[in-house]
Amino acid sequence: MLKKLAILILASGCIMTAKADSVSLSSSAAVTTNNSGSATQNLVGDIAWAAPLSGSNWVSFANTGDTFDPGFVVVPNGTSATFSQTFNLSGTVTDATLDVLADDTASVFVNGNQIFPSNFANIGWLSSTEGMFGMSQIAPYLVDGTNTISFVVSQTGGSSYGLDYSGVISTPEPGSLMLLGSGLIGLVGFGRRKLLS
């Protein structure tokens, strides 16, 4: 009876589902930087834009969203600015998603590697023109340690200008991996002991 209980306990350590640590990617004045020389700010969006993605805000380097706002700033055609979020990862990526909206359009980079080129007909400001990226596009460029995801947002059609992004990157929780490893070591040890007796 004790042997069966020991086997059950050891096996449970092996088959336990590993939990994940998650890093949230979300555009906001608090976490998104830009290279324009002005601080990133949250925007009230243009009335034509899709609502902000889950957990995020439309952002820009000036009041470039709502054209009816008295302080609205027009960004000249041909203007591009890079918006970035830096984050840390530990362990192998198990899942990655990223959704992007932009007015007028955006290129997307992971650690300097372009995963999507800008093109006015692709990523836009409507739900129907949302850029959606998954594990196969994002994970190959992520590293253990510091990572940066960047968006070069370009003004090509006058009027409003902004960026909105939201996503999640998951890695195994270190404690779960230790538990899994302990269970495997225990099973190997138990099996070896049984063979020797």
N, C-alpha and C. Protein backbone atom coordinates (compact mmCIF):
# COMPACT_ATOMS: atom_id res chain seq x y z
N MET A 1 0.82 -1.19 0.00
CA MET A 1 0.00 0.00 0.00
C MET A 1 0.87 1.26 0.00
N LEU A 2 1.95 1.27 0.80
CA LEU A 2 2.84 2.42 0.84
C LEU A 2 3.55 2.64 -0.49
N LYS A 3 3.93 1.53 -1.14
CA LYS A 3 4.58 1.65 -2.44
C LYS A 3 3.64 2.29 -3.46
N LYS A 4 2.38 1.90 -3.47
CA LYS A 4 1.41 2.46 -4.40
C LYS A 4 1.20 3.94 -4.14
N LEU A 5 1.15 4.33 -2.88
CA LEU A 5 0.98 5.73 -2.52
C LEU A 5 2.20 6.54 -2.98
N ALA A 6 3.40 5.99 -2.79
CA ALA A 6 4.63 6.68 -3.21
C ALA A 6 4.64 6.87 -4.72
N ILE A 7 4.22 5.84 -5.47
CA ILE A 7 4.17 5.93 -6.94
C ILE A 7 3.18 7.01 -7.35
N LEU A 8 2.04 7.05 -6.71
CA LEU A 8 1.01 8.04 -7.03
C LEU A 8 1.52 9.45 -6.78
N ILE A 9 2.19 9.68 -5.66
CA ILE A 9 2.72 11.01 -5.35
C ILE A 9 3.80 11.41 -6.35
N LEU A 10 4.71 10.48 -6.67
CA LEU A 10 5.76 10.79 -7.63
C LEU A 10 5.20 11.07 -9.01
N ALA A 11 4.24 10.28 -9.44
CA ALA A 11 3.64 10.47 -10.76
C ALA A 11 2.90 11.79 -10.84
N SER A 12 2.26 12.19 -9.76
CA SER A 12 1.51 13.46 -9.79
C SER A 12 2.45 14.63 -10.02
N GLY A 13 3.69 14.54 -9.54
CA GLY A 13 4.66 15.60 -9.79
C GLY A 13 5.06 15.67 -11.24
N CYS A 14 4.96 14.53 -11.94
CA CYS A 14 5.34 14.50 -13.35
C CYS A 14 4.24 14.98 -14.27
N ILE A 15 3.00 14.67 -13.95
CA ILE A 15 1.92 14.99 -14.88
C ILE A 15 1.21 16.30 -14.56
N MET A 16 1.66 16.97 -13.51
CA MET A 16 1.03 18.24 -13.15
C MET A 16 1.23 19.24 -14.28
N THR A 17 0.21 19.95 -14.64
CA THR A 17 0.29 20.93 -15.71
C THR A 17 1.12 22.13 -15.24
N ALA A 18 2.08 22.51 -16.05
CA ALA A 18 2.93 23.65 -15.69
C ALA A 18 2.14 24.94 -15.81
N LYS A 19 2.23 25.77 -14.77
CA LYS A 19 1.61 27.08 -14.80
C LYS A 19 2.50 27.99 -15.63
N ALA A 20 1.93 29.12 -16.05
CA ALA A 20 2.71 30.04 -16.87
C ALA A 20 2.80 31.41 -16.22
N ASP A 21 3.97 32.04 -16.38
CA ASP A 21 4.12 33.45 -16.07
C ASP A 21 3.74 34.19 -17.34
N SER A 22 3.02 35.30 -17.21
CA SER A 22 2.60 36.04 -18.39
C SER A 22 3.07 37.48 -18.33
N VAL A 23 3.49 37.99 -19.48
CA VAL A 23 3.84 39.39 -19.63
C VAL A 23 2.77 40.01 -20.52
N SER A 24 2.16 41.10 -20.03
CA SER A 24 1.14 41.79 -20.81
C SER A 24 1.79 42.86 -21.67
N LEU A 25 1.39 42.89 -22.91
CA LEU A 25 1.79 43.95 -23.83
C LEU A 25 0.55 44.82 -24.03
N SER A 26 0.65 46.10 -23.72
CA SER A 26 -0.52 46.96 -23.90
C SER A 26 -0.09 48.41 -24.04
N SER A 27 -0.60 49.05 -25.07
CA SER A 27 -0.24 50.45 -25.29
C SER A 27 -0.85 51.32 -24.20
N SER A 28 0.00 52.11 -23.57
CA SER A 28 -0.44 53.08 -22.58
C SER A 28 0.70 54.06 -22.32
N ALA A 29 0.35 55.24 -21.83
CA ALA A 29 1.36 56.25 -21.52
C ALA A 29 2.33 55.74 -20.46
N ALA A 30 1.88 54.79 -19.63
CA ALA A 30 2.71 54.28 -18.54
C ALA A 30 3.84 53.36 -19.01
N VAL A 31 3.65 52.61 -20.10
CA VAL A 31 4.65 51.61 -20.50
C VAL A 31 5.19 51.78 -21.92
N THR A 32 4.56 52.62 -22.73
CA THR A 32 4.96 52.77 -24.12
C THR A 32 5.81 54.03 -24.28
N THR A 33 7.01 53.86 -24.81
CA THR A 33 7.89 55.01 -25.08
C THR A 33 7.82 55.33 -26.58
N ASN A 34 8.34 56.49 -26.96
CA ASN A 34 8.43 56.81 -28.38
C ASN A 34 9.65 57.69 -28.63
N ASN A 35 10.04 57.79 -29.88
CA ASN A 35 11.27 58.52 -30.23
C ASN A 35 11.03 59.91 -30.78
N SER A 36 9.85 60.49 -30.54
CA SER A 36 9.52 61.80 -31.12
C SER A 36 10.12 62.97 -30.36
N GLY A 37 10.56 62.73 -29.12
CA GLY A 37 11.02 63.82 -28.29
C GLY A 37 9.95 64.31 -27.33
N SER A 38 8.71 63.86 -27.50
CA SER A 38 7.61 64.18 -26.59
C SER A 38 7.15 62.90 -25.91
N ALA A 39 6.63 63.03 -24.71
CA ALA A 39 6.17 61.87 -23.96
C ALA A 39 4.97 61.21 -24.64
N THR A 40 4.88 59.90 -24.47
CA THR A 40 3.69 59.18 -24.97
C THR A 40 2.49 59.58 -24.13
N GLN A 41 1.36 59.78 -24.79
CA GLN A 41 0.14 60.10 -24.06
C GLN A 41 -1.02 59.24 -24.55
N ASN A 42 -1.95 58.96 -23.64
CA ASN A 42 -3.17 58.25 -23.99
C ASN A 42 -4.08 59.20 -24.76
N LEU A 43 -4.80 58.67 -25.74
CA LEU A 43 -5.65 59.49 -26.60
C LEU A 43 -7.12 59.19 -26.43
N VAL A 44 -7.93 60.21 -26.67
CA VAL A 44 -9.34 60.00 -26.98
C VAL A 44 -9.33 59.76 -28.48
N GLY A 45 -9.80 58.59 -28.90
CA GLY A 45 -9.68 58.22 -30.31
C GLY A 45 -10.58 58.99 -31.24
N ASP A 46 -10.22 58.96 -32.51
CA ASP A 46 -11.06 59.49 -33.57
C ASP A 46 -12.38 58.72 -33.57
N ILE A 47 -13.46 59.37 -33.92
CA ILE A 47 -14.77 58.69 -33.91
C ILE A 47 -14.84 57.53 -34.89
N ALA A 48 -13.97 57.53 -35.89
CA ALA A 48 -13.96 56.44 -36.88
C ALA A 48 -13.17 55.23 -36.41
N TRP A 49 -12.34 55.38 -35.37
CA TRP A 49 -11.46 54.30 -34.92
C TRP A 49 -12.24 53.22 -34.17
N ALA A 50 -11.72 52.02 -34.21
CA ALA A 50 -12.23 50.94 -33.37
C ALA A 50 -11.96 51.30 -31.91
N ALA A 51 -12.76 50.74 -31.01
CA ALA A 51 -12.52 50.95 -29.57
C ALA A 51 -11.15 50.38 -29.22
N PRO A 52 -10.50 50.90 -28.16
CA PRO A 52 -9.19 50.35 -27.77
C PRO A 52 -9.27 48.85 -27.51
N LEU A 53 -8.21 48.15 -27.83
CA LEU A 53 -8.12 46.72 -27.57
C LEU A 53 -8.16 46.46 -26.07
N SER A 54 -8.46 45.26 -25.69
CA SER A 54 -8.60 44.90 -24.28
C SER A 54 -7.37 45.28 -23.45
N GLY A 55 -7.57 46.07 -22.41
CA GLY A 55 -6.50 46.44 -21.49
C GLY A 55 -5.55 47.51 -21.99
N SER A 56 -5.85 48.13 -23.13
CA SER A 56 -4.92 49.10 -23.72
C SER A 56 -5.60 50.44 -23.96
N ASN A 57 -4.82 51.38 -24.49
CA ASN A 57 -5.31 52.71 -24.88
C ASN A 57 -4.74 53.04 -26.25
N TRP A 58 -5.46 53.87 -26.99
CA TRP A 58 -4.84 54.49 -28.15
C TRP A 58 -3.79 55.44 -27.61
N VAL A 59 -2.61 55.48 -28.24
CA VAL A 59 -1.53 56.36 -27.79
C VAL A 59 -0.93 57.14 -28.95
N SER A 60 -0.26 58.23 -28.61
CA SER A 60 0.49 59.03 -29.57
C SER A 60 1.49 59.89 -28.80
N PHE A 61 2.20 60.75 -29.52
CA PHE A 61 3.14 61.68 -28.88
C PHE A 61 2.53 63.07 -28.72
N ALA A 62 1.27 63.24 -29.17
CA ALA A 62 0.56 64.52 -29.05
C ALA A 62 -0.94 64.21 -29.10
N ASN A 63 -1.76 65.22 -29.01
CA ASN A 63 -3.21 65.05 -29.06
C ASN A 63 -3.64 64.89 -30.52
N THR A 64 -3.46 63.68 -31.05
CA THR A 64 -3.65 63.44 -32.48
C THR A 64 -4.83 62.52 -32.79
N GLY A 65 -5.71 62.30 -31.80
CA GLY A 65 -6.81 61.35 -32.00
C GLY A 65 -8.10 61.98 -32.45
N ASP A 66 -8.81 62.62 -31.54
CA ASP A 66 -10.14 63.18 -31.81
C ASP A 66 -10.02 64.51 -32.55
N THR A 67 -10.42 64.51 -33.80
CA THR A 67 -10.31 65.72 -34.63
C THR A 67 -11.20 66.85 -34.12
N PHE A 68 -12.20 66.55 -33.28
CA PHE A 68 -13.10 67.58 -32.75
C PHE A 68 -12.58 68.18 -31.45
N ASP A 69 -11.48 67.65 -30.92
CA ASP A 69 -10.90 68.21 -29.70
C ASP A 69 -10.25 69.55 -30.03
N PRO A 70 -10.51 70.61 -29.22
CA PRO A 70 -9.92 71.93 -29.51
C PRO A 70 -8.39 71.92 -29.56
N GLY A 71 -7.74 70.98 -28.86
CA GLY A 71 -6.28 70.91 -28.86
C GLY A 71 -5.71 69.94 -29.89
N PHE A 72 -6.55 69.49 -30.83
CA PHE A 72 -6.12 68.49 -31.82
C PHE A 72 -4.91 68.98 -32.62
N VAL A 73 -3.94 68.08 -32.80
CA VAL A 73 -2.71 68.37 -33.55
C VAL A 73 -2.71 67.53 -34.83
N VAL A 74 -2.50 68.19 -35.96
CA VAL A 74 -2.42 67.47 -37.24
C VAL A 74 -0.98 67.01 -37.46
N VAL A 75 -0.81 65.71 -37.70
CA VAL A 75 0.51 65.15 -38.00
C VAL A 75 0.68 65.15 -39.52
N PRO A 76 1.70 65.82 -40.05
CA PRO A 76 1.86 65.89 -41.51
C PRO A 76 2.09 64.53 -42.15
N ASN A 77 1.58 64.36 -43.36
CA ASN A 77 1.83 63.13 -44.11
C ASN A 77 3.34 62.91 -44.25
N GLY A 78 3.76 61.66 -44.16
CA GLY A 78 5.18 61.31 -44.25
C GLY A 78 5.84 61.19 -42.89
N THR A 79 5.14 61.62 -41.82
CA THR A 79 5.70 61.52 -40.47
C THR A 79 5.66 60.07 -39.99
N SER A 80 6.75 59.62 -39.41
CA SER A 80 6.80 58.30 -38.77
C SER A 80 7.43 58.46 -37.39
N ALA A 81 6.90 57.71 -36.43
CA ALA A 81 7.50 57.67 -35.09
C ALA A 81 7.52 56.22 -34.63
N THR A 82 8.51 55.89 -33.83
CA THR A 82 8.63 54.53 -33.30
C THR A 82 8.16 54.50 -31.85
N PHE A 83 7.21 53.61 -31.57
CA PHE A 83 6.69 53.39 -30.23
C PHE A 83 7.18 52.02 -29.77
N SER A 84 7.59 51.90 -28.50
CA SER A 84 8.18 50.65 -28.02
C SER A 84 7.73 50.31 -26.60
N GLN A 85 7.74 49.01 -26.32
CA GLN A 85 7.57 48.52 -24.95
C GLN A 85 8.66 47.51 -24.69
N THR A 86 9.38 47.66 -23.57
CA THR A 86 10.45 46.74 -23.19
C THR A 86 9.98 45.91 -22.00
N PHE A 87 10.34 44.61 -22.01
CA PHE A 87 9.88 43.69 -20.97
C PHE A 87 10.91 42.58 -20.82
N ASN A 88 10.83 41.86 -19.70
CA ASN A 88 11.76 40.75 -19.43
C ASN A 88 11.04 39.42 -19.49
N LEU A 89 11.73 38.41 -20.00
CA LEU A 89 11.22 37.05 -20.07
C LEU A 89 12.23 36.11 -19.42
N SER A 90 11.70 35.06 -18.81
CA SER A 90 12.56 34.03 -18.24
C SER A 90 12.01 32.67 -18.64
N GLY A 91 12.78 31.94 -19.42
CA GLY A 91 12.34 30.62 -19.87
C GLY A 91 11.84 30.62 -21.30
N THR A 92 11.50 29.45 -21.77
CA THR A 92 11.03 29.26 -23.14
C THR A 92 9.61 29.77 -23.28
N VAL A 93 9.34 30.48 -24.34
CA VAL A 93 7.99 31.01 -24.59
C VAL A 93 7.05 29.86 -24.94
N THR A 94 5.90 29.81 -24.25
CA THR A 94 4.91 28.76 -24.51
C THR A 94 3.70 29.27 -25.29
N ASP A 95 3.51 30.59 -25.29
CA ASP A 95 2.40 31.17 -26.04
C ASP A 95 2.69 32.66 -26.25
N ALA A 96 2.27 33.18 -27.40
CA ALA A 96 2.47 34.60 -27.69
C ALA A 96 1.39 35.08 -28.63
N THR A 97 0.75 36.20 -28.27
CA THR A 97 -0.24 36.82 -29.14
C THR A 97 -0.04 38.33 -29.13
N LEU A 98 -0.37 38.99 -30.22
CA LEU A 98 -0.27 40.44 -30.31
C LEU A 98 -1.27 40.93 -31.35
N ASP A 99 -2.10 41.90 -30.95
CA ASP A 99 -3.05 42.54 -31.86
C ASP A 99 -2.67 44.01 -31.98
N VAL A 100 -2.77 44.57 -33.19
CA VAL A 100 -2.31 45.94 -33.44
C VAL A 100 -3.31 46.69 -34.30
N LEU A 101 -3.60 47.93 -33.90
CA LEU A 101 -4.37 48.88 -34.69
C LEU A 101 -3.52 50.13 -34.85
N ALA A 102 -3.63 50.80 -35.99
CA ALA A 102 -2.85 52.03 -36.19
C ALA A 102 -3.54 52.93 -37.20
N ASP A 103 -3.32 54.22 -37.03
CA ASP A 103 -3.78 55.21 -38.00
C ASP A 103 -2.56 56.06 -38.34
N ASP A 104 -1.97 55.97 -39.54
CA ASP A 104 -2.60 55.26 -40.63
C ASP A 104 -2.16 53.80 -40.74
N THR A 105 -0.92 53.51 -40.45
CA THR A 105 -0.43 52.14 -40.55
C THR A 105 0.82 51.96 -39.70
N ALA A 106 1.23 50.71 -39.51
CA ALA A 106 2.41 50.44 -38.67
C ALA A 106 3.19 49.24 -39.17
N SER A 107 4.51 49.31 -38.99
CA SER A 107 5.38 48.15 -39.13
C SER A 107 5.61 47.63 -37.72
N VAL A 108 5.79 46.31 -37.57
CA VAL A 108 5.93 45.70 -36.25
C VAL A 108 7.29 44.99 -36.18
N PHE A 109 8.02 45.23 -35.08
CA PHE A 109 9.34 44.65 -34.88
C PHE A 109 9.43 43.98 -33.51
N VAL A 110 10.10 42.83 -33.45
CA VAL A 110 10.40 42.16 -32.19
C VAL A 110 11.91 42.07 -32.09
N ASN A 111 12.48 42.77 -31.10
CA ASN A 111 13.94 42.84 -30.92
C ASN A 111 14.66 43.20 -32.21
N GLY A 112 14.11 44.19 -32.93
CA GLY A 112 14.74 44.68 -34.15
C GLY A 112 14.44 43.87 -35.39
N ASN A 113 13.73 42.76 -35.26
CA ASN A 113 13.38 41.92 -36.42
C ASN A 113 11.97 42.27 -36.88
N GLN A 114 11.86 42.67 -38.13
CA GLN A 114 10.55 43.07 -38.66
C GLN A 114 9.67 41.84 -38.89
N ILE A 115 8.52 41.82 -38.22
CA ILE A 115 7.59 40.71 -38.43
C ILE A 115 6.41 41.11 -39.30
N PHE A 116 6.28 42.44 -39.55
CA PHE A 116 5.22 42.91 -40.43
C PHE A 116 5.62 44.25 -41.01
N PRO A 117 5.63 44.37 -42.36
CA PRO A 117 5.95 45.66 -42.98
C PRO A 117 4.70 46.53 -43.06
N SER A 118 4.89 47.85 -42.97
CA SER A 118 3.74 48.75 -43.08
C SER A 118 3.24 48.78 -44.52
N ASN A 119 1.95 48.87 -44.61
CA ASN A 119 1.30 48.98 -45.91
C ASN A 119 -0.09 49.51 -45.63
N PHE A 120 -0.45 50.60 -46.24
CA PHE A 120 -1.72 51.27 -45.93
C PHE A 120 -2.91 50.32 -45.98
N ALA A 121 -2.86 49.30 -46.82
CA ALA A 121 -4.00 48.38 -46.98
C ALA A 121 -4.04 47.29 -45.90
N ASN A 122 -3.04 47.23 -45.03
CA ASN A 122 -2.99 46.15 -44.06
C ASN A 122 -3.43 46.60 -42.66
N ILE A 123 -2.50 46.87 -41.75
CA ILE A 123 -2.89 47.30 -40.41
C ILE A 123 -3.51 48.69 -40.49
N GLY A 124 -4.70 48.82 -39.92
CA GLY A 124 -5.39 50.11 -39.92
C GLY A 124 -6.07 50.37 -38.59
N TRP A 125 -7.04 51.24 -38.59
CA TRP A 125 -7.70 51.70 -37.37
C TRP A 125 -9.06 51.05 -37.13
N LEU A 126 -9.49 50.15 -38.01
CA LEU A 126 -10.76 49.46 -37.86
C LEU A 126 -10.54 48.02 -37.42
N SER A 127 -11.53 47.43 -36.78
CA SER A 127 -11.41 46.02 -36.37
C SER A 127 -11.12 45.12 -37.56
N SER A 128 -11.65 45.47 -38.72
CA SER A 128 -11.44 44.66 -39.92
C SER A 128 -10.03 44.78 -40.48
N THR A 129 -9.28 45.79 -40.03
CA THR A 129 -7.90 45.96 -40.51
C THR A 129 -6.88 45.78 -39.38
N GLU A 130 -7.31 45.11 -38.31
CA GLU A 130 -6.44 44.83 -37.17
C GLU A 130 -5.37 43.82 -37.56
N GLY A 131 -4.13 44.09 -37.17
CA GLY A 131 -3.06 43.13 -37.37
C GLY A 131 -3.06 42.14 -36.21
N MET A 132 -3.06 40.85 -36.52
CA MET A 132 -3.07 39.82 -35.47
C MET A 132 -1.90 38.88 -35.67
N PHE A 133 -1.08 38.75 -34.63
CA PHE A 133 0.14 37.95 -34.72
C PHE A 133 0.14 36.89 -33.63
N GLY A 134 0.72 35.74 -33.95
CA GLY A 134 0.72 34.62 -33.02
C GLY A 134 2.12 34.10 -32.73
N MET A 135 2.13 32.97 -32.08
CA MET A 135 3.36 32.33 -31.60
C MET A 135 4.42 32.18 -32.70
N SER A 136 4.02 31.69 -33.88
CA SER A 136 5.00 31.41 -34.93
C SER A 136 5.67 32.67 -35.47
N GLN A 137 5.00 33.82 -35.36
CA GLN A 137 5.58 35.07 -35.86
C GLN A 137 6.41 35.80 -34.80
N ILE A 138 6.04 35.64 -33.52
CA ILE A 138 6.67 36.41 -32.45
C ILE A 138 7.79 35.65 -31.75
N ALA A 139 7.52 34.41 -31.34
CA ALA A 139 8.43 33.64 -30.48
C ALA A 139 9.84 33.46 -31.05
N PRO A 140 10.04 33.27 -32.37
CA PRO A 140 11.41 33.06 -32.85
C PRO A 140 12.38 34.20 -32.54
N TYR A 141 11.86 35.39 -32.27
CA TYR A 141 12.72 36.56 -32.05
C TYR A 141 12.83 36.96 -30.58
N LEU A 142 12.13 36.26 -29.70
CA LEU A 142 12.19 36.58 -28.27
C LEU A 142 13.39 35.88 -27.64
N VAL A 143 13.95 36.50 -26.60
CA VAL A 143 15.12 35.95 -25.92
C VAL A 143 14.87 35.88 -24.42
N ASP A 144 15.66 35.06 -23.76
CA ASP A 144 15.65 35.00 -22.30
C ASP A 144 16.29 36.30 -21.81
N GLY A 145 15.57 37.10 -21.06
CA GLY A 145 16.10 38.38 -20.60
C GLY A 145 15.28 39.54 -21.14
N THR A 146 15.94 40.62 -21.54
CA THR A 146 15.27 41.85 -21.97
C THR A 146 14.85 41.77 -23.44
N ASN A 147 13.60 42.16 -23.70
CA ASN A 147 13.03 42.16 -25.05
C ASN A 147 12.34 43.49 -25.31
N THR A 148 12.29 43.88 -26.59
CA THR A 148 11.58 45.11 -26.97
C THR A 148 10.72 44.83 -28.19
N ILE A 149 9.46 45.23 -28.08
CA ILE A 149 8.57 45.17 -29.24
C ILE A 149 8.33 46.61 -29.67
N SER A 150 8.46 46.87 -30.98
CA SER A 150 8.37 48.24 -31.50
C SER A 150 7.41 48.33 -32.67
N PHE A 151 6.86 49.53 -32.85
CA PHE A 151 5.92 49.81 -33.92
C PHE A 151 6.32 51.12 -34.57
N VAL A 152 6.59 51.09 -35.87
CA VAL A 152 6.86 52.34 -36.59
C VAL A 152 5.53 52.75 -37.20
N VAL A 153 4.94 53.81 -36.62
CA VAL A 153 3.61 54.26 -37.04
C VAL A 153 3.79 55.41 -38.03
N SER A 154 3.17 55.26 -39.20
CA SER A 154 3.35 56.23 -40.28
C SER A 154 2.05 56.94 -40.61
N GLN A 155 2.17 58.24 -40.86
CA GLN A 155 1.02 59.06 -41.28
C GLN A 155 1.06 59.14 -42.80
N THR A 156 0.04 58.60 -43.45
CA THR A 156 0.01 58.59 -44.92
C THR A 156 -1.27 59.20 -45.49
N GLY A 157 -2.29 59.37 -44.65
CA GLY A 157 -3.57 59.84 -45.18
C GLY A 157 -4.13 61.05 -44.47
N GLY A 158 -3.28 61.85 -43.82
CA GLY A 158 -3.74 63.07 -43.15
C GLY A 158 -4.61 62.81 -41.95
N SER A 159 -5.01 63.86 -41.26
CA SER A 159 -5.94 63.84 -40.13
C SER A 159 -5.37 63.08 -38.94
N SER A 160 -6.16 62.16 -38.36
CA SER A 160 -5.79 61.51 -37.09
C SER A 160 -4.56 60.61 -37.22
N TYR A 161 -3.96 60.32 -36.04
CA TYR A 161 -2.74 59.53 -35.98
C TYR A 161 -2.68 58.86 -34.62
N GLY A 162 -2.39 57.54 -34.58
CA GLY A 162 -2.28 56.88 -33.28
C GLY A 162 -1.97 55.40 -33.41
N LEU A 163 -1.73 54.78 -32.26
CA LEU A 163 -1.38 53.36 -32.17
C LEU A 163 -2.13 52.72 -31.01
N ASP A 164 -2.53 51.48 -31.20
CA ASP A 164 -3.14 50.69 -30.13
C ASP A 164 -2.66 49.25 -30.30
N TYR A 165 -2.14 48.66 -29.22
CA TYR A 165 -1.72 47.25 -29.29
C TYR A 165 -2.00 46.56 -27.97
N SER A 166 -2.20 45.25 -28.05
CA SER A 166 -2.47 44.45 -26.86
C SER A 166 -2.03 43.02 -27.14
N GLY A 167 -1.43 42.38 -26.14
CA GLY A 167 -1.00 41.00 -26.32
C GLY A 167 -0.52 40.39 -25.02
N VAL A 168 -0.16 39.11 -25.09
CA VAL A 168 0.33 38.37 -23.93
C VAL A 168 1.43 37.43 -24.39
N ILE A 169 2.51 37.36 -23.60
CA ILE A 169 3.57 36.38 -23.84
C ILE A 169 3.70 35.55 -22.58
N SER A 170 3.64 34.23 -22.73
CA SER A 170 3.68 33.32 -21.58
C SER A 170 4.93 32.45 -21.61
N THR A 171 5.48 32.24 -20.41
CA THR A 171 6.60 31.32 -20.22
C THR A 171 6.27 30.43 -19.03
N PRO A 172 6.86 29.23 -18.93
CA PRO A 172 6.56 28.36 -17.79
C PRO A 172 6.97 29.02 -16.48
N GLU A 173 6.17 28.82 -15.45
CA GLU A 173 6.51 29.33 -14.12
C GLU A 173 7.66 28.50 -13.58
N PRO A 174 8.76 29.10 -13.09
CA PRO A 174 9.92 28.33 -12.62
C PRO A 174 9.58 27.25 -11.60
N GLY A 175 8.68 27.51 -10.67
CA GLY A 175 8.31 26.52 -9.66
C GLY A 175 7.66 25.29 -10.27
N SER A 176 6.89 25.48 -11.33
CA SER A 176 6.24 24.34 -12.00
C SER A 176 7.27 23.44 -12.66
N LEU A 177 8.30 24.05 -13.23
CA LEU A 177 9.35 23.25 -13.87
C LEU A 177 10.12 22.45 -12.83
N MET A 178 10.36 23.06 -11.65
CA MET A 178 11.05 22.32 -10.59
C MET A 178 10.21 21.13 -10.12
N LEU A 179 8.90 21.34 -9.99
CA LEU A 179 8.02 20.27 -9.56
C LEU A 179 8.01 19.14 -10.59
N LEU A 180 7.95 19.52 -11.86
CA LEU A 180 7.96 18.53 -12.93
C LEU A 180 9.27 17.74 -12.90
N GLY A 181 10.40 18.45 -12.76
CA GLY A 181 11.70 17.79 -12.71
C GLY A 181 11.83 16.89 -11.50
N SER A 182 11.34 17.35 -10.35
CA SER A 182 11.40 16.53 -9.12
C SER A 182 10.61 15.24 -9.29
N GLY A 183 9.45 15.35 -9.90
CA GLY A 183 8.63 14.17 -10.12
C GLY A 183 9.31 13.18 -11.04
N LEU A 184 9.94 13.68 -12.11
CA LEU A 184 10.64 12.80 -13.05
C LEU A 184 11.84 12.12 -12.37
N ILE A 185 12.59 12.88 -11.60
CA ILE A 185 13.75 12.31 -10.90
C ILE A 185 13.28 11.24 -9.91
N GLY A 186 12.18 11.55 -9.21
CA GLY A 186 11.64 10.58 -8.25
C GLY A 186 11.20 9.30 -8.91
N LEU A 187 10.56 9.40 -10.08
CA LEU A 187 10.11 8.19 -10.79
C LEU A 187 11.30 7.36 -11.27
N VAL A 188 12.33 8.06 -11.79
CA VAL A 188 13.51 7.35 -12.26
C VAL A 188 14.17 6.63 -11.08
N GLY A 189 14.30 7.34 -9.96
CA GLY A 189 14.90 6.74 -8.77
C GLY A 189 14.10 5.56 -8.26
N PHE A 190 12.77 5.70 -8.25
CA PHE A 190 11.91 4.61 -7.79
C PHE A 190 12.03 3.41 -8.71
N GLY A 191 12.04 3.65 -10.03
CA GLY A 191 12.15 2.55 -10.98
C GLY A 191 13.48 1.85 -10.88
N ARG A 192 14.55 2.63 -10.68
CA ARG A 192 15.88 2.06 -10.54
C ARG A 192 15.98 1.21 -9.28
N ARG A 193 15.40 1.69 -8.20
CA ARG A 193 15.41 0.96 -6.93
C ARG A 193 14.68 -0.37 -7.08
N LYS A 194 13.55 -0.30 -7.82
CA LYS A 194 12.76 -1.53 -8.01
C LYS A 194 13.55 -2.56 -8.84
N LEU A 195 14.29 -2.06 -9.86
CA LEU A 195 15.09 -2.97 -10.69
C LEU A 195 16.21 -3.62 -9.89
N LEU A 196 16.81 -2.88 -8.96
CA LEU A 196 17.93 -3.40 -8.18
C LEU A 196 17.48 -4.40 -7.10
N SER A 197 16.22 -4.34 -6.69
CA SER A 197 15.77 -5.25 -5.61
C SER A 197 15.25 -6.57 -6.14
